[in-house]
Amino acid sequence: MNDNAPTPSLIKKPILEGKHPAIQLLYMVLLIFGCGVVISMLGLLLSYGIWGMEVEVPTAGYYRFLQVFNAIGVFLVPALLFSYLQRKRWFSYNQADCRPNNGTTLIYVAAAAVCILPIAGLMVELGKLVTWPDFMAKMEEWMHEQQASADHILEMMTADTHISTLILNLLVCALLPAVCEEFFFRGSLQQLLQHWFKNSHAAIWVTGFIFSAIHLQIDGLVARWLLGAYLGYLLVWSGSLWVPILAHFLHNALSIIIQHIVNVNGTITEENFTHTSIFFSLLALLFLTVFIYLIYRSSHKNQVNQA
């Protein structure tokens, strides 16, 4: 028997263990602001050394550089620290230590990602037709400005048609947001709300709304909300954070690849897309419903086999 082994009373439990969810949420907010400010400022300081103190005309490389630090500082690092404060493990609370055990599920997720694109595109177009109440006019104007700014930056990043730029965009604009945002929203926030509400559905939909609202893109608010809810259900059904990460990455990557093809060929226009969007969206919705059912059944079957 090892006399030097620590007694249970001497082993410090995780800081957030047993704390009320409201207290845990406060810790999460503090981590977001603390890590976000520190790491984003680090990125800004490093950018001064590369581009100089004053950037009169920011380049696509400049925006990519800052996006890396912002995504890591605001989402990934706070999520990992939050997981550690919960269980003294970096990848346990967020279910990142659970690997997808069913390859069939991943195939269905990939197929569903293709179906989501035309549906999301139509919903964005419909979102432009929504009339907001007069008392929200100022907020609507501000959100449209933020969306226009984000769209302009994305256009700059995808304007270059070189393959090397496409690969870089897939890493910075598809893979990085998928990993960082899923670790935070599904791996941390949804887990916290599920513990708080004692209801996975409520946690999924509230998290999905926050996920959508924080992007500040008013036309795609509902579309991204539904996407966030879908990603939330993928986590609950599969039990692995890597499944919604894969779905998130594929959605981003397909959008970037399609935009790259459009820029290279110049044969597909937004006008042509909107004329046929209803038909393709309804067809895609039919297939998406089938694939979501197959994902649910495949994940449920895998859980039954493990029990």
Foldseek 3Di string as FASTA:
>chain_A
DDPPDDDPVPDDFQQCVPPALVVLVVLLVCQLVVQQVVQLVVLLVVVCVVCNDDDPDDALVNVLSSLLSNLCRRFVVSLQVSVCSHGVHRCDLLLQVDDQPDPVLLVLLLLLLVLLVLQLVQQLVVLVVDDDDPVCVVVVVVLQVLQVVVVVSVCRQLLDLDPVSLVSCLVRVQLSNLVRVLSGLQRPQLSSVCVNVVDSQVSQQVSLQVVLVVSSNRSSNVSSSVLSSLLNVLCVLRVHSVSSSSSRRSNRSVVSVVSSVCSVPVPDDPVVCNVCSVVSSVVSVVSSVVSSVVSNVSSVVVVVVVD
